[in-house]
PDB file of N, CA and C in Angstrom:
ATOM      1  N   UNK A   1       8.484  56.773  75.091  1.00  0.00           N
ATOM      2  CA  UNK A   1       7.291  55.944  75.153  1.00  0.00           C
ATOM      3  C   UNK A   1       6.430  56.174  73.914  1.00  0.00           C
ATOM      4  N   UNK A   2       6.355  57.401  73.453  1.00  0.00           N
ATOM      5  CA  UNK A   2       5.532  57.686  72.273  1.00  0.00           C
ATOM      6  C   UNK A   2       5.966  56.852  71.077  1.00  0.00           C
ATOM      7  N   UNK A   3       7.294  56.687  70.930  1.00  0.00           N
ATOM      8  CA  UNK A   3       7.790  55.883  69.809  1.00  0.00           C
ATOM      9  C   UNK A   3       7.321  54.435  69.910  1.00  0.00           C
ATOM     10  N   UNK A   4       7.285  53.911  71.113  1.00  0.00           N
ATOM     11  CA  UNK A   4       6.853  52.521  71.311  1.00  0.00           C
ATOM     12  C   UNK A   4       5.369  52.360  71.011  1.00  0.00           C
ATOM     13  N   UNK A   5       4.608  53.410  71.215  1.00  0.00           N
ATOM     14  CA  UNK A   5       3.167  53.335  70.984  1.00  0.00           C
ATOM     15  C   UNK A   5       2.781  53.729  69.559  1.00  0.00           C
ATOM     16  N   UNK A   6       3.724  54.289  68.811  1.00  0.00           N
ATOM     17  CA  UNK A   6       3.431  54.731  67.444  1.00  0.00           C
ATOM     18  C   UNK A   6       2.981  53.560  66.586  1.00  0.00           C
ATOM     19  N   UNK A   7       1.887  53.759  65.855  1.00  0.00           N
ATOM     20  CA  UNK A   7       1.380  52.729  64.951  1.00  0.00           C
ATOM     21  C   UNK A   7       0.604  51.617  65.637  1.00  0.00           C
ATOM     22  N   UNK A   8       0.414  51.713  66.933  1.00  0.00           N
ATOM     23  CA  UNK A   8      -0.340  50.689  67.658  1.00  0.00           C
ATOM     24  C   UNK A   8      -1.681  51.259  68.076  1.00  0.00           C
ATOM     25  N   UNK A   9      -2.571  50.391  68.481  1.00  0.00           N
ATOM     26  CA  UNK A   9      -3.884  50.844  68.943  1.00  0.00           C
ATOM     27  C   UNK A   9      -3.728  51.802  70.115  1.00  0.00           C
ATOM     28  N   UNK A  10      -4.674  52.739  70.260  1.00  0.00           N
ATOM     29  CA  UNK A  10      -4.588  53.678  71.386  1.00  0.00           C
ATOM     30  C   UNK A  10      -4.555  52.931  72.720  1.00  0.00           C
ATOM     31  N   UNK A  11      -3.761  53.455  73.631  1.00  0.00           N
ATOM     32  CA  UNK A  11      -3.606  52.861  74.958  1.00  0.00           C
ATOM     33  C   UNK A  11      -4.282  53.784  75.968  1.00  0.00           C
ATOM     34  N   UNK A  12      -5.184  53.243  76.796  1.00  0.00           N
ATOM     35  CA  UNK A  12      -5.864  54.074  77.804  1.00  0.00           C
ATOM     36  C   UNK A  12      -4.845  54.718  78.755  1.00  0.00           C
ATOM     37  N   UNK A  13      -5.188  55.876  79.314  1.00  0.00           N
ATOM     38  CA  UNK A  13      -4.258  56.593  80.207  1.00  0.00           C
ATOM     39  C   UNK A  13      -3.713  55.744  81.358  1.00  0.00           C
ATOM     40  N   UNK A  14      -4.544  54.894  81.963  1.00  0.00           N
ATOM     41  CA  UNK A  14      -4.054  54.083  83.089  1.00  0.00           C
ATOM     42  C   UNK A  14      -3.000  53.078  82.630  1.00  0.00           C
ATOM     43  N   UNK A  15      -3.151  52.558  81.417  1.00  0.00           N
ATOM     44  CA  UNK A  15      -2.148  51.634  80.879  1.00  0.00           C
ATOM     45  C   UNK A  15      -0.865  52.386  80.525  1.00  0.00           C
ATOM     46  N   UNK A  16      -1.002  53.626  80.043  1.00  0.00           N
ATOM     47  CA  UNK A  16       0.177  54.443  79.762  1.00  0.00           C
ATOM     48  C   UNK A  16       0.968  54.711  81.042  1.00  0.00           C
ATOM     49  N   UNK A  17       0.247  54.975  82.125  1.00  0.00           N
ATOM     50  CA  UNK A  17       0.913  55.210  83.411  1.00  0.00           C
ATOM     51  C   UNK A  17       1.639  53.954  83.888  1.00  0.00           C
ATOM     52  N   UNK A  18       0.979  52.813  83.702  1.00  0.00           N
ATOM     53  CA  UNK A  18       1.599  51.547  84.079  1.00  0.00           C
ATOM     54  C   UNK A  18       2.860  51.308  83.239  1.00  0.00           C
ATOM     55  N   UNK A  19       2.762  51.595  81.942  1.00  0.00           N
ATOM     56  CA  UNK A  19       3.906  51.438  81.046  1.00  0.00           C
ATOM     57  C   UNK A  19       5.051  52.353  81.483  1.00  0.00           C
ATOM     58  N   UNK A  20       4.726  53.592  81.827  1.00  0.00           N
ATOM     59  CA  UNK A  20       5.755  54.534  82.281  1.00  0.00           C
ATOM     60  C   UNK A  20       6.444  54.036  83.546  1.00  0.00           C
ATOM     61  N   UNK A  21       5.676  53.492  84.492  1.00  0.00           N
ATOM     62  CA  UNK A  21       6.264  52.955  85.732  1.00  0.00           C
ATOM     63  C   UNK A  21       7.213  51.802  85.423  1.00  0.00           C
ATOM     64  N   UNK A  22       6.781  50.911  84.544  1.00  0.00           N
ATOM     65  CA  UNK A  22       7.616  49.753  84.206  1.00  0.00           C
ATOM     66  C   UNK A  22       8.846  50.164  83.407  1.00  0.00           C
ATOM     67  N   UNK A  23       8.690  51.157  82.539  1.00  0.00           N
ATOM     68  CA  UNK A  23       9.847  51.674  81.803  1.00  0.00           C
ATOM     69  C   UNK A  23      10.864  52.295  82.758  1.00  0.00           C
ATOM     70  N   UNK A  24      10.387  52.956  83.798  1.00  0.00           N
ATOM     71  CA  UNK A  24      11.293  53.554  84.786  1.00  0.00           C
ATOM     72  C   UNK A  24      12.105  52.478  85.496  1.00  0.00           C
ATOM     73  N   UNK A  25      11.451  51.351  85.804  1.00  0.00           N
ATOM     74  CA  UNK A  25      12.165  50.238  86.437  1.00  0.00           C
ATOM     75  C   UNK A  25      13.264  49.745  85.505  1.00  0.00           C
ATOM     76  N   UNK A  26      12.927  49.586  84.234  1.00  0.00           N
ATOM     77  CA  UNK A  26      13.917  49.112  83.264  1.00  0.00           C
ATOM     78  C   UNK A  26      15.010  50.153  83.035  1.00  0.00           C
ATOM     79  N   UNK A  27      14.633  51.420  82.948  1.00  0.00           N
ATOM     80  CA  UNK A  27      15.608  52.492  82.705  1.00  0.00           C
ATOM     81  C   UNK A  27      16.639  52.561  83.828  1.00  0.00           C
ATOM     82  N   UNK A  28      16.178  52.311  85.053  1.00  0.00           N
ATOM     83  CA  UNK A  28      17.082  52.315  86.210  1.00  0.00           C
ATOM     84  C   UNK A  28      18.201  51.283  86.042  1.00  0.00           C
ATOM     85  N   UNK A  29      17.909  50.220  85.303  1.00  0.00           N
ATOM     86  CA  UNK A  29      18.891  49.149  85.075  1.00  0.00           C
ATOM     87  C   UNK A  29      19.792  49.424  83.876  1.00  0.00           C
ATOM     88  N   UNK A  30      19.599  50.563  83.225  1.00  0.00           N
ATOM     89  CA  UNK A  30      20.428  51.041  82.118  1.00  0.00           C
ATOM     90  C   UNK A  30      20.532  50.069  80.934  1.00  0.00           C
ATOM     91  N   UNK A  31      19.416  49.849  80.229  1.00  0.00           N
ATOM     92  CA  UNK A  31      19.474  48.993  79.029  1.00  0.00           C
ATOM     93  C   UNK A  31      20.304  49.672  77.933  1.00  0.00           C
ATOM     94  N   UNK A  32      20.816  48.869  77.002  1.00  0.00           N
ATOM     95  CA  UNK A  32      21.583  49.431  75.878  1.00  0.00           C
ATOM     96  C   UNK A  32      20.650  49.941  74.792  1.00  0.00           C
ATOM     97  N   UNK A  33      19.404  49.437  74.765  1.00  0.00           N
ATOM     98  CA  UNK A  33      18.428  49.862  73.753  1.00  0.00           C
ATOM     99  C   UNK A  33      17.035  49.433  74.195  1.00  0.00           C
ATOM    100  N   UNK A  34      16.046  50.031  73.544  1.00  0.00           N
ATOM    101  CA  UNK A  34      14.652  49.601  73.721  1.00  0.00           C
ATOM    102  C   UNK A  34      14.209  49.014  72.391  1.00  0.00           C
ATOM    103  N   UNK A  35      13.409  47.951  72.464  1.00  0.00           N
ATOM    104  CA  UNK A  35      12.951  47.288  71.245  1.00  0.00           C
ATOM    105  C   UNK A  35      11.438  47.090  71.313  1.00  0.00           C
ATOM    106  N   UNK A  36      10.840  46.957  70.142  1.00  0.00           N
ATOM    107  CA  UNK A  36       9.413  46.641  70.053  1.00  0.00           C
ATOM    108  C   UNK A  36       9.296  45.201  69.600  1.00  0.00           C
ATOM    109  N   UNK A  37       8.349  44.482  70.170  1.00  0.00           N
ATOM    110  CA  UNK A  37       8.137  43.090  69.784  1.00  0.00           C
ATOM    111  C   UNK A  37       7.579  42.985  68.377  1.00  0.00           C
ATOM    112  N   UNK A  38       7.731  41.803  67.778  1.00  0.00           N
ATOM    113  CA  UNK A  38       7.201  41.547  66.445  1.00  0.00           C
ATOM    114  C   UNK A  38       6.340  40.298  66.492  1.00  0.00           C
ATOM    115  N   UNK A  39       5.607  40.057  65.433  1.00  0.00           N
ATOM    116  CA  UNK A  39       4.744  38.872  65.303  1.00  0.00           C
ATOM    117  C   UNK A  39       3.904  38.661  66.551  1.00  0.00           C
ATOM    118  N   UNK A  40       4.083  37.512  67.194  1.00  0.00           N
ATOM    119  CA  UNK A  40       3.288  37.173  68.370  1.00  0.00           C
ATOM    120  C   UNK A  40       3.521  38.113  69.536  1.00  0.00           C
ATOM    121  N   UNK A  41       4.657  38.784  69.558  1.00  0.00           N
ATOM    122  CA  UNK A  41       4.992  39.704  70.637  1.00  0.00           C
ATOM    123  C   UNK A  41       4.814  41.156  70.203  1.00  0.00           C
ATOM    124  N   UNK A  42       3.933  41.375  69.210  1.00  0.00           N
ATOM    125  CA  UNK A  42       3.709  42.698  68.641  1.00  0.00           C
ATOM    126  C   UNK A  42       3.297  43.723  69.688  1.00  0.00           C
ATOM    127  N   UNK A  43       2.556  43.311  70.683  1.00  0.00           N
ATOM    128  CA  UNK A  43       2.086  44.246  71.707  1.00  0.00           C
ATOM    129  C   UNK A  43       3.097  44.450  72.826  1.00  0.00           C
ATOM    130  N   UNK A  44       4.262  43.860  72.682  1.00  0.00           N
ATOM    131  CA  UNK A  44       5.290  43.952  73.707  1.00  0.00           C
ATOM    132  C   UNK A  44       6.300  45.045  73.386  1.00  0.00           C
ATOM    133  N   UNK A  45       6.874  45.610  74.428  1.00  0.00           N
ATOM    134  CA  UNK A  45       8.026  46.485  74.289  1.00  0.00           C
ATOM    135  C   UNK A  45       9.100  45.898  75.180  1.00  0.00           C
ATOM    136  N   UNK A  46      10.334  46.144  74.853  1.00  0.00           N
ATOM    137  CA  UNK A  46      11.388  45.520  75.631  1.00  0.00           C
ATOM    138  C   UNK A  46      12.574  46.416  75.884  1.00  0.00           C
ATOM    139  N   UNK A  47      13.348  46.029  76.880  1.00  0.00           N
ATOM    140  CA  UNK A  47      14.600  46.681  77.205  1.00  0.00           C
ATOM    141  C   UNK A  47      15.700  45.662  76.938  1.00  0.00           C
ATOM    142  N   UNK A  48      16.631  46.046  76.080  1.00  0.00           N
ATOM    143  CA  UNK A  48      17.727  45.154  75.726  1.00  0.00           C
ATOM    144  C   UNK A  48      18.934  45.490  76.592  1.00  0.00           C
ATOM    145  N   UNK A  49      19.437  44.480  77.293  1.00  0.00           N
ATOM    146  CA  UNK A  49      20.571  44.663  78.190  1.00  0.00           C
ATOM    147  C   UNK A  49      21.856  44.093  77.618  1.00  0.00           C
ATOM    148  N   UNK A  50      21.768  43.462  76.477  1.00  0.00           N
ATOM    149  CA  UNK A  50      22.926  42.893  75.783  1.00  0.00           C
ATOM    150  C   UNK A  50      22.449  42.192  74.534  1.00  0.00           C
ATOM    151  N   UNK A  51      23.401  41.697  73.732  1.00  0.00           N
ATOM    152  CA  UNK A  51      23.034  41.023  72.479  1.00  0.00           C
ATOM    153  C   UNK A  51      22.089  39.855  72.714  1.00  0.00           C
ATOM    154  N   UNK A  52      22.221  39.206  73.854  1.00  0.00           N
ATOM    155  CA  UNK A  52      21.439  38.003  74.122  1.00  0.00           C
ATOM    156  C   UNK A  52      20.654  38.097  75.430  1.00  0.00           C
ATOM    157  N   UNK A  53      20.079  39.284  75.692  1.00  0.00           N
ATOM    158  CA  UNK A  53      19.303  39.459  76.913  1.00  0.00           C
ATOM    159  C   UNK A  53      18.332  40.625  76.719  1.00  0.00           C
ATOM    160  N   UNK A  54      17.042  40.310  76.628  1.00  0.00           N
ATOM    161  CA  UNK A  54      16.000  41.329  76.467  1.00  0.00           C
ATOM    162  C   UNK A  54      14.849  40.999  77.413  1.00  0.00           C
ATOM    163  N   UNK A  55      14.339  42.031  78.082  1.00  0.00           N
ATOM    164  CA  UNK A  55      13.170  41.882  78.953  1.00  0.00           C
ATOM    165  C   UNK A  55      11.984  42.514  78.242  1.00  0.00           C
ATOM    166  N   UNK A  56      10.952  41.706  77.929  1.00  0.00           N
ATOM    167  CA  UNK A  56       9.762  42.173  77.227  1.00  0.00           C
ATOM    168  C   UNK A  56       8.589  42.342  78.182  1.00  0.00           C
ATOM    169  N   UNK A  57       7.861  43.439  78.006  1.00  0.00           N
ATOM    170  CA  UNK A  57       6.649  43.755  78.769  1.00  0.00           C
ATOM    171  C   UNK A  57       5.456  43.800  77.833  1.00  0.00           C
ATOM    172  N   UNK A  58       4.277  43.488  78.353  1.00  0.00           N
ATOM    173  CA  UNK A  58       3.042  43.565  77.583  1.00  0.00           C
ATOM    174  C   UNK A  58       1.971  44.174  78.471  1.00  0.00           C
ATOM    175  N   UNK A  59       1.425  45.286  78.032  1.00  0.00           N
ATOM    176  CA  UNK A  59       0.404  45.935  78.845  1.00  0.00           C
ATOM    177  C   UNK A  59      -0.977  45.333  78.669  1.00  0.00           C
ATOM    178  N   UNK A  60      -1.204  44.636  77.566  1.00  0.00           N
ATOM    179  CA  UNK A  60      -2.519  44.032  77.350  1.00  0.00           C
ATOM    180  C   UNK A  60      -2.755  42.914  78.355  1.00  0.00           C
ATOM    181  N   UNK A  61      -1.701  42.157  78.646  1.00  0.00           N
ATOM    182  CA  UNK A  61      -1.836  41.049  79.578  1.00  0.00           C
ATOM    183  C   UNK A  61      -1.161  41.333  80.898  1.00  0.00           C
ATOM    184  N   UNK A  62      -0.359  42.405  80.961  1.00  0.00           N
ATOM    185  CA  UNK A  62       0.257  42.949  82.143  1.00  0.00           C
ATOM    186  C   UNK A  62       0.611  42.074  83.327  1.00  0.00           C
ATOM    187  N   UNK A  63       0.445  40.768  83.271  1.00  0.00           N
ATOM    188  CA  UNK A  63       0.695  39.912  84.413  1.00  0.00           C
ATOM    189  C   UNK A  63       2.162  39.529  84.570  1.00  0.00           C
ATOM    190  N   UNK A  64       2.941  39.606  83.503  1.00  0.00           N
ATOM    191  CA  UNK A  64       4.325  39.151  83.597  1.00  0.00           C
ATOM    192  C   UNK A  64       5.185  39.808  82.534  1.00  0.00           C
ATOM    193  N   UNK A  65       6.479  39.797  82.805  1.00  0.00           N
ATOM    194  CA  UNK A  65       7.428  40.177  81.769  1.00  0.00           C
ATOM    195  C   UNK A  65       8.202  38.922  81.406  1.00  0.00           C
ATOM    196  N   UNK A  66       8.784  38.927  80.240  1.00  0.00           N
ATOM    197  CA  UNK A  66       9.520  37.776  79.733  1.00  0.00           C
ATOM    198  C   UNK A  66      10.954  38.185  79.462  1.00  0.00           C
ATOM    199  N   UNK A  67      11.888  37.538  80.139  1.00  0.00           N
ATOM    200  CA  UNK A  67      13.304  37.773  79.917  1.00  0.00           C
ATOM    201  C   UNK A  67      13.761  36.690  78.947  1.00  0.00           C
ATOM    202  N   UNK A  68      14.279  37.122  77.792  1.00  0.00           N
ATOM    203  CA  UNK A  68      14.699  36.183  76.751  1.00  0.00           C
ATOM    204  C   UNK A  68      16.198  36.286  76.520  1.00  0.00           C
ATOM    205  N   UNK A  69      16.792  35.138  76.215  1.00  0.00           N
ATOM    206  CA  UNK A  69      18.235  35.047  76.073  1.00  0.00           C
ATOM    207  C   UNK A  69      18.655  34.849  74.616  1.00  0.00           C
ATOM    208  N   UNK A  70      19.604  33.963  74.374  1.00  0.00           N
ATOM    209  CA  UNK A  70      20.267  33.794  73.079  1.00  0.00           C
ATOM    210  C   UNK A  70      19.348  33.901  71.861  1.00  0.00           C
ATOM    211  N   UNK A  71      18.249  33.234  71.877  1.00  0.00           N
ATOM    212  CA  UNK A  71      17.356  33.186  70.712  1.00  0.00           C
ATOM    213  C   UNK A  71      16.178  34.150  70.844  1.00  0.00           C
ATOM    214  N   UNK A  72      16.414  35.290  71.473  1.00  0.00           N
ATOM    215  CA  UNK A  72      15.296  36.194  71.762  1.00  0.00           C
ATOM    216  C   UNK A  72      14.601  36.677  70.501  1.00  0.00           C
ATOM    217  N   UNK A  73      15.317  36.834  69.413  1.00  0.00           N
ATOM    218  CA  UNK A  73      14.674  37.300  68.173  1.00  0.00           C
ATOM    219  C   UNK A  73      13.666  36.264  67.664  1.00  0.00           C
ATOM    220  N   UNK A  74      14.008  35.003  67.775  1.00  0.00           N
ATOM    221  CA  UNK A  74      13.105  33.926  67.364  1.00  0.00           C
ATOM    222  C   UNK A  74      11.974  33.768  68.371  1.00  0.00           C
ATOM    223  N   UNK A  75      12.321  33.731  69.652  1.00  0.00           N
ATOM    224  CA  UNK A  75      11.307  33.561  70.695  1.00  0.00           C
ATOM    225  C   UNK A  75      10.290  34.692  70.675  1.00  0.00           C
ATOM    226  N   UNK A  76      10.744  35.904  70.394  1.00  0.00           N
ATOM    227  CA  UNK A  76       9.843  37.059  70.442  1.00  0.00           C
ATOM    228  C   UNK A  76       8.862  37.086  69.279  1.00  0.00           C
ATOM    229  N   UNK A  77       9.012  36.169  68.336  1.00  0.00           N
ATOM    230  CA  UNK A  77       8.060  36.078  67.229  1.00  0.00           C
ATOM    231  C   UNK A  77       6.904  35.136  67.560  1.00  0.00           C
ATOM    232  N   UNK A  78       7.047  34.400  68.648  1.00  0.00           N
ATOM    233  CA  UNK A  78       5.979  33.490  69.066  1.00  0.00           C
ATOM    234  C   UNK A  78       4.947  34.251  69.877  1.00  0.00           C
ATOM    235  N   UNK A  79       3.747  33.731  69.901  1.00  0.00           N
ATOM    236  CA  UNK A  79       2.730  34.332  70.771  1.00  0.00           C
ATOM    237  C   UNK A  79       3.040  33.922  72.214  1.00  0.00           C
ATOM    238  N   UNK A  80       2.453  34.627  73.144  1.00  0.00           N
ATOM    239  CA  UNK A  80       2.635  34.309  74.560  1.00  0.00           C
ATOM    240  C   UNK A  80       2.212  32.864  74.832  1.00  0.00           C
ATOM    241  N   UNK A  81       1.104  32.439  74.238  1.00  0.00           N
ATOM    242  CA  UNK A  81       0.602  31.078  74.441  1.00  0.00           C
ATOM    243  C   UNK A  81       1.563  30.051  73.850  1.00  0.00           C
ATOM    244  N   UNK A  82       2.077  30.305  72.649  1.00  0.00           N
ATOM    245  CA  UNK A  82       3.054  29.391  72.038  1.00  0.00           C
ATOM    246  C   UNK A  82       4.300  29.287  72.911  1.00  0.00           C
ATOM    247  N   UNK A  83       4.726  30.408  73.417  1.00  0.00           N
ATOM    248  CA  UNK A  83       5.921  30.440  74.251  1.00  0.00           C
ATOM    249  C   UNK A  83       5.719  29.600  75.511  1.00  0.00           C
ATOM    250  N   UNK A  84       4.565  29.766  76.167  1.00  0.00           N
ATOM    251  CA  UNK A  84       4.305  29.045  77.407  1.00  0.00           C
ATOM    252  C   UNK A  84       4.045  27.558  77.194  1.00  0.00           C
ATOM    253  N   UNK A  85       3.580  27.192  76.017  1.00  0.00           N
ATOM    254  CA  UNK A  85       3.330  25.775  75.706  1.00  0.00           C
ATOM    255  C   UNK A  85       4.615  25.014  75.434  1.00  0.00           C
ATOM    256  N   UNK A  86       5.630  25.720  74.950  1.00  0.00           N
ATOM    257  CA  UNK A  86       6.887  25.069  74.561  1.00  0.00           C
ATOM    258  C   UNK A  86       7.842  24.898  75.733  1.00  0.00           C
ATOM    259  N   UNK A  87       9.068  24.616  75.383  1.00  0.00           N
ATOM    260  CA  UNK A  87      10.129  24.459  76.364  1.00  0.00           C
ATOM    261  C   UNK A  87      10.413  25.802  77.016  1.00  0.00           C
ATOM    262  N   UNK A  88      10.792  25.787  78.266  1.00  0.00           N
ATOM    263  CA  UNK A  88      11.122  27.029  78.954  1.00  0.00           C
ATOM    264  C   UNK A  88      12.585  27.426  78.738  1.00  0.00           C
ATOM    265  N   UNK A  89      13.287  26.679  77.900  1.00  0.00           N
ATOM    266  CA  UNK A  89      14.663  27.028  77.599  1.00  0.00           C
ATOM    267  C   UNK A  89      14.705  28.356  76.861  1.00  0.00           C
ATOM    268  N   UNK A  90      15.607  29.204  77.253  1.00  0.00           N
ATOM    269  CA  UNK A  90      15.808  30.459  76.551  1.00  0.00           C
ATOM    270  C   UNK A  90      15.042  31.645  77.079  1.00  0.00           C
ATOM    271  N   UNK A  91      14.177  31.440  78.054  1.00  0.00           N
ATOM    272  CA  UNK A  91      13.456  32.582  78.621  1.00  0.00           C
ATOM    273  C   UNK A  91      13.033  32.297  80.061  1.00  0.00           C
ATOM    274  N   UNK A  92      12.742  33.371  80.756  1.00  0.00           N
ATOM    275  CA  UNK A  92      12.190  33.302  82.105  1.00  0.00           C
ATOM    276  C   UNK A  92      10.976  34.210  82.151  1.00  0.00           C
ATOM    277  N   UNK A  93       9.955  33.783  82.844  1.00  0.00           N
ATOM    278  CA  UNK A  93       8.733  34.570  83.016  1.00  0.00           C
ATOM    279  C   UNK A  93       8.731  35.097  84.450  1.00  0.00           C
ATOM    280  N   UNK A  94       8.598  36.406  84.577  1.00  0.00           N
ATOM    281  CA  UNK A  94       8.567  37.025  85.897  1.00  0.00           C
ATOM    282  C   UNK A  94       7.203  37.658  86.074  1.00  0.00           C
ATOM    283  N   UNK A  95       6.406  37.085  86.962  1.00  0.00           N
ATOM    284  CA  UNK A  95       5.076  37.624  87.219  1.00  0.00           C
ATOM    285  C   UNK A  95       5.188  38.935  87.980  1.00  0.00           C
ATOM    286  N   UNK A  96       4.251  39.837  87.709  1.00  0.00           N
ATOM    287  CA  UNK A  96       4.226  41.124  88.378  1.00  0.00           C
ATOM    288  C   UNK A  96       3.596  40.978  89.758  1.00  0.00           C
ATOM    289  N   UNK A  97       4.367  40.385  90.621  1.00  0.00           N
ATOM    290  CA  UNK A  97       3.997  40.252  92.028  1.00  0.00           C
ATOM    291  C   UNK A  97       5.002  41.062  92.827  1.00  0.00           C
ATOM    292  N   UNK A  98       4.751  41.194  94.101  1.00  0.00           N
ATOM    293  CA  UNK A  98       5.681  41.932  94.939  1.00  0.00           C
ATOM    294  C   UNK A  98       7.100  41.382  94.734  1.00  0.00           C
ATOM    295  N   UNK A  99       8.032  42.284  94.498  1.00  0.00           N
ATOM    296  CA  UNK A  99       9.427  41.881  94.325  1.00  0.00           C
ATOM    297  C   UNK A  99       9.859  41.605  92.900  1.00  0.00           C
ATOM    298  N   UNK A 100       8.954  41.772  91.917  1.00  0.00           N
ATOM    299  CA  UNK A 100       9.337  41.472  90.524  1.00  0.00           C
ATOM    300  C   UNK A 100      10.506  42.343  90.076  1.00  0.00           C
ATOM    301  N   UNK A 101      10.544  43.594  90.550  1.00  0.00           N
ATOM    302  CA  UNK A 101      11.621  44.495  90.162  1.00  0.00           C
ATOM    303  C   UNK A 101      12.975  43.953  90.634  1.00  0.00           C
ATOM    304  N   UNK A 102      13.004  43.431  91.867  1.00  0.00           N
ATOM    305  CA  UNK A 102      14.236  42.865  92.423  1.00  0.00           C
ATOM    306  C   UNK A 102      14.672  41.625  91.651  1.00  0.00           C
ATOM    307  N   UNK A 103      13.701  40.828  91.257  1.00  0.00           N
ATOM    308  CA  UNK A 103      14.016  39.614  90.505  1.00  0.00           C
ATOM    309  C   UNK A 103      14.626  39.961  89.144  1.00  0.00           C
ATOM    310  N   UNK A 104      14.039  40.963  88.477  1.00  0.00           N
ATOM    311  CA  UNK A 104      14.593  41.407  87.194  1.00  0.00           C
ATOM    312  C   UNK A 104      15.994  41.963  87.399  1.00  0.00           C
ATOM    313  N   UNK A 105      16.161  42.799  88.402  1.00  0.00           N
ATOM    314  CA  UNK A 105      17.481  43.380  88.673  1.00  0.00           C
ATOM    315  C   UNK A 105      18.523  42.296  88.922  1.00  0.00           C
ATOM    316  N   UNK A 106      18.157  41.262  89.674  1.00  0.00           N
ATOM    317  CA  UNK A 106      19.084  40.162  89.961  1.00  0.00           C
ATOM    318  C   UNK A 106      19.497  39.442  88.679  1.00  0.00           C
ATOM    319  N   UNK A 107      18.540  39.213  87.766  1.00  0.00           N
ATOM    320  CA  UNK A 107      18.872  38.555  86.499  1.00  0.00           C
ATOM    321  C   UNK A 107      19.788  39.418  85.649  1.00  0.00           C
ATOM    322  N   UNK A 108      19.537  40.725  85.631  1.00  0.00           N
ATOM    323  CA  UNK A 108      20.392  41.638  84.863  1.00  0.00           C
ATOM    324  C   UNK A 108      21.806  41.642  85.447  1.00  0.00           C
ATOM    325  N   UNK A 109      21.906  41.725  86.753  1.00  0.00           N
ATOM    326  CA  UNK A 109      23.226  41.720  87.396  1.00  0.00           C
ATOM    327  C   UNK A 109      23.972  40.422  87.110  1.00  0.00           C
ATOM    328  N   UNK A 110      23.267  39.311  87.203  1.00  0.00           N
ATOM    329  CA  UNK A 110      23.860  38.004  86.923  1.00  0.00           C
ATOM    330  C   UNK A 110      24.380  37.946  85.481  1.00  0.00           C
ATOM    331  N   UNK A 111      23.569  38.463  84.568  1.00  0.00           N
ATOM    332  CA  UNK A 111      23.958  38.499  83.155  1.00  0.00           C
ATOM    333  C   UNK A 111      25.217  39.344  82.977  1.00  0.00           C
ATOM    334  N   UNK A 112      25.231  40.497  83.578  1.00  0.00           N
ATOM    335  CA  UNK A 112      26.384  41.408  83.436  1.00  0.00           C
ATOM    336  C   UNK A 112      27.649  40.850  84.066  1.00  0.00           C
ATOM    337  N   UNK A 113      27.493  39.992  85.049  1.00  0.00           N
ATOM    338  CA  UNK A 113      28.641  39.356  85.670  1.00  0.00           C
ATOM    339  C   UNK A 113      29.111  38.136  84.875  1.00  0.00           C
ATOM    340  N   UNK A 114      28.366  37.820  83.801  1.00  0.00           N
ATOM    341  CA  UNK A 114      28.764  36.719  82.938  1.00  0.00           C
ATOM    342  C   UNK A 114      28.325  35.354  83.413  1.00  0.00           C
ATOM    343  N   UNK A 115      27.400  35.322  84.356  1.00  0.00           N
ATOM    344  CA  UNK A 115      26.921  34.054  84.868  1.00  0.00           C
ATOM    345  C   UNK A 115      25.711  33.589  84.088  1.00  0.00           C
ATOM    346  N   UNK A 116      25.613  32.292  83.870  1.00  0.00           N
ATOM    347  CA  UNK A 116      24.450  31.715  83.185  1.00  0.00           C
ATOM    348  C   UNK A 116      23.253  31.741  84.124  1.00  0.00           C
ATOM    349  N   UNK A 117      22.065  31.861  83.540  1.00  0.00           N
ATOM    350  CA  UNK A 117      20.837  31.807  84.334  1.00  0.00           C
ATOM    351  C   UNK A 117      20.560  30.362  84.684  1.00  0.00           C
ATOM    352  N   UNK A 118      20.436  30.071  85.968  1.00  0.00           N
ATOM    353  CA  UNK A 118      20.226  28.679  86.398  1.00  0.00           C
ATOM    354  C   UNK A 118      18.936  28.503  87.159  1.00  0.00           C
ATOM    355  N   UNK A 119      17.976  29.359  86.916  1.00  0.00           N
ATOM    356  CA  UNK A 119      16.684  29.235  87.624  1.00  0.00           C
ATOM    357  C   UNK A 119      15.973  27.986  87.233  1.00  0.00           C
TER     358      UNK A 119
END
C-alpha cells in the first residue's frame, strides 16, 4: 500500500483503512499485478487480473470501482466524469453497496473462464 501512496497527497488514516480493506478484497481474488492510475485516474489504484482486465479503486470518491477491459490503458487516462459521460463500452462501474465484493468476484471468475462480460 505504501508504494501506491508514494508521491501522492497524504491520505487520512480512515481512508488508509478503507484502502486496506478494499485491497484485501482484491488480494483474495489473486490479481497478477497492482497498478496505479494515470492522468484522469491518477488518484486510482488497481488490481490487474489479466492483460485486458483491471479493477480500479478511488478513495477520494470511494463510491464505486471501475472494471476496465481491452482498452483499459486508454480508458484509465480519462477522468471519472469523462468516463461516465461517454459510452459504457469497455468498462463496468460497481458501486460500493452491499454485495459489491460478490459482484467483482463474479466478473473476475467470468473473465477467467473466458466468457465475455454481458452486463
